[in-house]
Protein backbone atom coordinates (compact mmCIF):
# COMPACT_ATOMS: atom_id res chain seq x y z
CA UNK A 1 -7.07 77.35 -119.24
CA UNK A 2 -3.94 76.46 -117.29
CA UNK A 3 -2.41 79.88 -115.73
CA UNK A 4 0.86 78.07 -114.49
CA UNK A 5 2.00 77.50 -117.85
CA UNK A 6 1.62 81.29 -119.07
CA UNK A 7 3.96 82.87 -116.34
CA UNK A 8 7.79 82.87 -117.39
CA UNK A 9 9.49 81.52 -114.38
CA UNK A 10 12.16 83.43 -114.51
CA UNK A 11 10.38 86.89 -114.36
CA UNK A 12 11.37 89.08 -111.56
CA UNK A 13 9.08 88.72 -108.43
CA UNK A 14 6.91 92.16 -109.16
CA UNK A 15 6.82 91.45 -113.16
CA UNK A 16 5.42 87.92 -112.02
CA UNK A 17 2.66 89.20 -110.24
CA UNK A 18 1.49 91.57 -112.93
CA UNK A 19 1.68 88.91 -115.42
CA UNK A 20 -0.08 86.40 -113.36
CA UNK A 21 -2.98 88.65 -112.67
CA UNK A 22 -3.06 89.69 -116.44
CA UNK A 23 -3.28 85.86 -117.05
CA UNK A 24 -6.21 85.39 -114.52
CA UNK A 25 -8.35 88.35 -115.58
CA UNK A 26 -7.39 87.48 -119.57
CA UNK A 27 -5.70 91.10 -120.02
CA UNK A 28 -2.53 92.49 -121.38
CA UNK A 29 0.10 93.31 -119.25
CA UNK A 30 0.92 96.98 -119.03
CA UNK A 31 4.70 98.05 -118.74
CA UNK A 32 4.88 99.02 -115.08
CA UNK A 33 8.14 101.13 -115.51
CA UNK A 34 6.69 103.58 -118.08
CA UNK A 35 7.21 106.97 -116.34
CA UNK A 36 8.05 105.59 -113.27
CA UNK A 37 9.84 108.35 -111.56
CA UNK A 38 6.57 110.69 -112.65
CA UNK A 39 3.95 108.14 -111.07
CA UNK A 40 6.43 107.79 -107.99
CA UNK A 41 6.44 111.65 -107.57
CA UNK A 42 2.64 111.72 -107.85
CA UNK A 43 2.35 110.00 -104.52
CA UNK A 44 4.58 112.53 -102.64
CA UNK A 45 2.41 115.02 -100.90
CA UNK A 46 3.94 118.34 -99.42
CA UNK A 47 4.51 116.61 -96.04
CA UNK A 48 5.84 113.24 -97.71
CA UNK A 49 8.36 115.63 -99.67
CA UNK A 50 9.55 117.62 -96.71
CA UNK A 51 10.12 114.13 -94.94
CA UNK A 52 12.06 112.85 -97.68
CA UNK A 53 13.99 115.87 -97.94
CA UNK A 54 14.68 115.51 -94.15
CA UNK A 55 15.63 111.95 -94.38
CA UNK A 56 18.35 112.58 -97.60
CA UNK A 57 19.84 115.28 -95.22
CA UNK A 58 20.10 113.14 -92.34
CA UNK A 59 23.62 112.72 -90.58
CA UNK A 60 23.51 109.37 -88.56
CA UNK A 61 25.86 110.05 -85.58
CA UNK A 62 25.93 106.37 -84.24
CA UNK A 63 27.22 104.75 -82.05
CA UNK A 64 27.74 102.01 -84.62
CA UNK A 65 28.49 98.09 -83.85
CA UNK A 66 29.34 96.22 -87.16
CA UNK A 67 28.94 92.65 -87.10
CA UNK A 68 30.77 90.44 -89.34
CA UNK A 69 27.79 87.64 -89.08
CA UNK A 70 25.01 90.06 -89.23
CA UNK A 71 24.20 89.49 -92.95
CA UNK A 72 23.99 85.72 -92.57
CA UNK A 73 21.84 86.06 -89.65
CA UNK A 74 19.64 88.57 -91.52
CA UNK A 75 19.39 86.21 -94.73
CA UNK A 76 18.79 83.56 -92.59
CA UNK A 77 15.57 85.31 -90.68
CA UNK A 78 14.46 86.22 -94.47
CA UNK A 79 14.76 82.70 -95.69
CA UNK A 80 13.19 81.35 -92.67
CA UNK A 81 10.18 84.01 -92.27
CA UNK A 82 9.39 83.50 -96.00
CA UNK A 83 9.34 79.57 -95.82
CA UNK A 84 7.06 79.86 -92.70
CA UNK A 85 4.53 82.04 -94.66
CA UNK A 86 4.93 80.05 -97.93
CA UNK A 87 4.02 76.84 -95.73
CA UNK A 88 1.12 78.63 -93.92
CA UNK A 89 -0.44 79.57 -97.28
CA UNK A 90 0.09 76.01 -98.79
CA UNK A 91 -1.53 74.53 -95.57
CA UNK A 92 -4.36 76.82 -95.50
CA UNK A 93 -5.32 75.29 -98.85
CA UNK A 94 -5.69 72.18 -97.42
CA UNK A 95 -5.35 72.16 -93.41
CA UNK A 96 -8.88 71.76 -91.48
CA UNK A 97 -10.61 74.67 -90.05
CA UNK A 98 -9.12 75.94 -86.62
CA UNK A 99 -8.79 78.94 -84.37
CA UNK A 100 -5.28 79.46 -85.86
CA UNK A 101 -5.77 78.23 -89.42
CA UNK A 102 -9.04 78.78 -90.81
CA UNK A 103 -9.76 76.41 -93.77
CA UNK A 104 -10.23 76.87 -97.28
CA UNK A 105 -14.11 77.50 -97.86
CA UNK A 106 -15.75 74.12 -99.38
CA UNK A 107 -19.06 73.97 -101.34
CA UNK A 108 -22.07 72.31 -99.82
CA UNK A 109 -22.65 69.09 -101.27
CA UNK A 110 -26.37 69.17 -100.80
CA UNK A 111 -26.85 72.12 -102.74
CA UNK A 112 -28.09 72.46 -106.64
CA UNK A 113 -25.22 72.00 -108.84
CA UNK A 114 -26.88 74.64 -111.11
CA UNK A 115 -26.45 77.32 -108.73
CA UNK A 116 -23.12 78.88 -108.10
CA UNK A 117 -21.93 78.88 -104.67
CA UNK A 118 -21.12 82.60 -102.89
CA UNK A 119 -17.78 84.31 -103.74
CA UNK A 120 -17.79 86.06 -99.93
CA UNK A 121 -16.25 83.09 -98.39
CA UNK A 122 -13.37 82.99 -100.77
CA UNK A 123 -12.88 86.61 -100.48
CA UNK A 124 -12.88 86.79 -96.74
CA UNK A 125 -10.33 83.71 -96.96
CA UNK A 126 -8.03 85.83 -98.97
CA UNK A 127 -7.99 88.75 -97.31
CA UNK A 128 -7.32 86.85 -94.09
CA UNK A 129 -3.91 85.24 -96.20
CA UNK A 130 -3.45 88.95 -97.14
CA UNK A 131 -3.28 90.54 -93.68
CA UNK A 132 -1.10 87.61 -92.45
CA UNK A 133 1.42 88.35 -95.58
CA UNK A 134 1.48 92.08 -94.81
CA UNK A 135 1.92 91.70 -90.95
CA UNK A 136 5.05 89.10 -91.56
CA UNK A 137 6.47 90.88 -94.36
CA UNK A 138 6.08 94.36 -92.53
CA UNK A 139 7.76 92.97 -89.34
CA UNK A 140 10.91 91.20 -91.04
CA UNK A 141 11.44 94.69 -92.88
CA UNK A 142 11.45 96.72 -89.70
CA UNK A 143 13.82 93.86 -87.91
CA UNK A 144 16.40 94.22 -90.99
CA UNK A 145 16.16 97.91 -91.27
CA UNK A 146 16.52 98.23 -87.36
CA UNK A 147 19.67 95.64 -87.72
CA UNK A 148 21.40 97.41 -90.87
CA UNK A 149 21.02 101.17 -89.33
CA UNK A 150 23.30 100.04 -86.38
CA UNK A 151 26.37 98.89 -88.87
CA UNK A 152 27.30 102.26 -90.29
CA UNK A 153 26.73 105.72 -91.28
CA UNK A 154 25.80 104.58 -95.13
CA UNK A 155 23.46 102.18 -94.03
CA UNK A 156 21.51 104.31 -91.25
CA UNK A 157 21.04 106.63 -93.85
CA UNK A 158 19.48 104.01 -96.12
CA UNK A 159 17.44 102.76 -93.38
CA UNK A 160 16.01 106.21 -92.57
CA UNK A 161 15.24 106.86 -96.17
CA UNK A 162 13.41 103.37 -96.18
CA UNK A 163 11.54 104.54 -93.36
CA UNK A 164 9.89 107.61 -94.98
CA UNK A 165 9.23 105.58 -98.24
CA UNK A 166 7.53 102.85 -96.14
CA UNK A 167 5.51 105.33 -94.44
CA UNK A 168 4.60 107.26 -97.40
CA UNK A 169 3.85 104.15 -99.99
CA UNK A 170 1.94 102.50 -97.50
CA UNK A 171 -1.56 103.61 -98.34
CA UNK A 172 -0.78 103.15 -102.13
CA UNK A 173 0.60 99.57 -101.76
CA UNK A 174 -2.27 98.74 -99.78
CA UNK A 175 -4.60 100.14 -102.58
CA UNK A 176 -2.74 98.20 -105.27
CA UNK A 177 -3.00 94.72 -103.04
CA UNK A 178 -6.56 95.25 -102.66
CA UNK A 179 -7.41 95.05 -106.44
CA UNK A 180 -6.38 91.62 -106.01
CA UNK A 181 -9.60 90.13 -104.29
CA UNK A 182 -11.48 91.87 -107.47
CA UNK A 183 -9.59 90.16 -109.85
CA UNK A 184 -10.20 86.81 -107.92
CA UNK A 185 -14.10 87.64 -107.99
CA UNK A 186 -14.05 88.16 -111.56
CA UNK A 187 -12.15 85.04 -112.40
CA UNK A 188 -14.65 83.19 -110.04
CA UNK A 189 -17.21 83.96 -112.10
CA UNK A 190 -15.65 83.30 -115.41
CA UNK A 191 -14.80 79.76 -114.31
CA UNK A 192 -18.29 79.16 -113.03
CA UNK A 193 -19.88 80.41 -116.40
CA UNK A 194 -17.30 78.36 -118.46
CA UNK A 195 -18.37 75.43 -116.09
CA UNK A 196 -22.08 75.83 -117.13
CA UNK A 197 -21.50 76.03 -120.53
CA UNK A 198 -20.26 72.51 -120.66
CA UNK A 199 -22.24 69.35 -121.34
CA UNK A 200 -22.48 67.19 -118.12
CA UNK A 201 -20.33 64.04 -119.07
CA UNK A 202 -21.27 60.72 -117.68
CA UNK A 203 -19.36 61.18 -114.55
CA UNK A 204 -21.52 64.19 -113.69
CA UNK A 205 -24.67 62.02 -114.08
CA UNK A 206 -23.17 59.41 -111.64
CA UNK A 207 -25.65 59.49 -108.55
CA UNK A 208 -22.53 58.07 -106.66
CA UNK A 209 -20.66 61.09 -107.45
CA UNK A 210 -22.78 64.37 -107.50
CA UNK A 211 -21.51 67.30 -109.32
CA UNK A 212 -20.89 69.66 -106.93
CA UNK A 213 -18.28 67.08 -105.16
CA UNK A 214 -16.59 66.76 -108.65
CA UNK A 215 -16.11 70.98 -108.55
CA UNK A 216 -13.05 70.42 -106.04
CA UNK A 217 -11.56 67.40 -107.58
CA UNK A 218 -8.74 68.12 -110.30
CA UNK A 219 -9.91 69.11 -113.36
CA UNK A 220 -13.05 71.11 -111.31
CA UNK A 221 -13.74 74.43 -111.98
CA UNK A 222 -13.21 75.16 -108.32
CA UNK A 223 -9.93 73.35 -107.97
CA UNK A 224 -8.67 75.23 -110.79
CA UNK A 225 -9.76 78.34 -108.83
CA UNK A 226 -8.06 77.68 -105.93
CA UNK A 227 -4.86 76.54 -107.33
CA UNK A 228 -4.64 80.15 -109.19
CA UNK A 229 -5.68 81.69 -106.22
CA UNK A 230 -2.77 79.89 -104.21
CA UNK A 231 -0.61 81.19 -106.86
CA UNK A 232 -1.57 84.63 -106.57
CA UNK A 233 -0.93 84.59 -102.61
CA UNK A 234 2.61 83.45 -103.25
CA UNK A 235 3.22 85.66 -106.23
CA UNK A 236 2.04 88.51 -103.91
CA UNK A 237 4.18 87.27 -101.01
CA UNK A 238 7.42 87.59 -102.90
CA UNK A 239 6.40 90.96 -103.99
CA UNK A 240 5.74 92.16 -100.36
CA UNK A 241 9.32 90.64 -99.71
CA UNK A 242 11.23 92.97 -102.16
CA UNK A 243 11.76 95.85 -99.78
CA UNK A 244 13.34 93.64 -97.02
CA UNK A 245 15.35 91.63 -100.03
CA UNK A 246 16.59 95.10 -101.06
CA UNK A 247 17.65 96.48 -97.81
CA UNK A 248 19.48 93.00 -96.93
CA UNK A 249 21.08 93.27 -100.66
CA UNK A 250 22.50 96.55 -100.24
CA UNK A 251 23.60 95.72 -96.36
CA UNK A 252 25.55 92.86 -98.09
CA UNK A 253 26.89 94.95 -100.84
CA UNK A 254 28.14 97.50 -98.25
CA UNK A 255 29.65 94.94 -96.01
CA UNK A 256 31.67 93.05 -98.96
CA UNK A 257 32.98 96.37 -100.17
CA UNK A 258 33.96 97.44 -96.66
CA UNK A 259 38.13 98.13 -96.39
């Protein structure tokens, strides 16, 4: 199964992540927009509603310091941040282990090829990458929010609203992303079981090339799994960037329509 061929390349980032998860878990993708307002409202408790009401009524007083080059600077920051995090994800799948870049877990070549490797090291690897993505995108969003809030009353108001939504939805967002390692665990088991059902070919029986070593070669079940894990991380990165992108787009629109 080639997951990459099942995902429309032009899909929005959030839809792409949903479709990728559906393809990996071999389930049907659901309509994430169904009853969106109702489902969003359920995430706001009484205290959150009061905070939102306060943010809606917020009247910024300034002082404001609009900058003609701010949009370009923020866009460059976003592009650079995304590029750095994308490179770090990709490097983590090929770099040797180090204090700053934990390496991708590798199977023990001396292990019995009939025994599945433990999933826990791969789960810990994914969780570590998730924490990096969460921290990097959160810091970017905070930088953009702080910058646009100084440009004028409208953007200061939007920044206040974004702060409330960021705080209110943080727990829900974490829960959603926390389901991805579970999806990957099931995929790990599925690929392993599929591999076990296949008959060894002549290459598998070659004593110079142990079957365990073949797992990580192109065409091997573990190689495919790691490719899918990397795709999922990159799709997750783009979804985590969407709030920052939305803020920047709103700011760009405000600046371009300013008298």
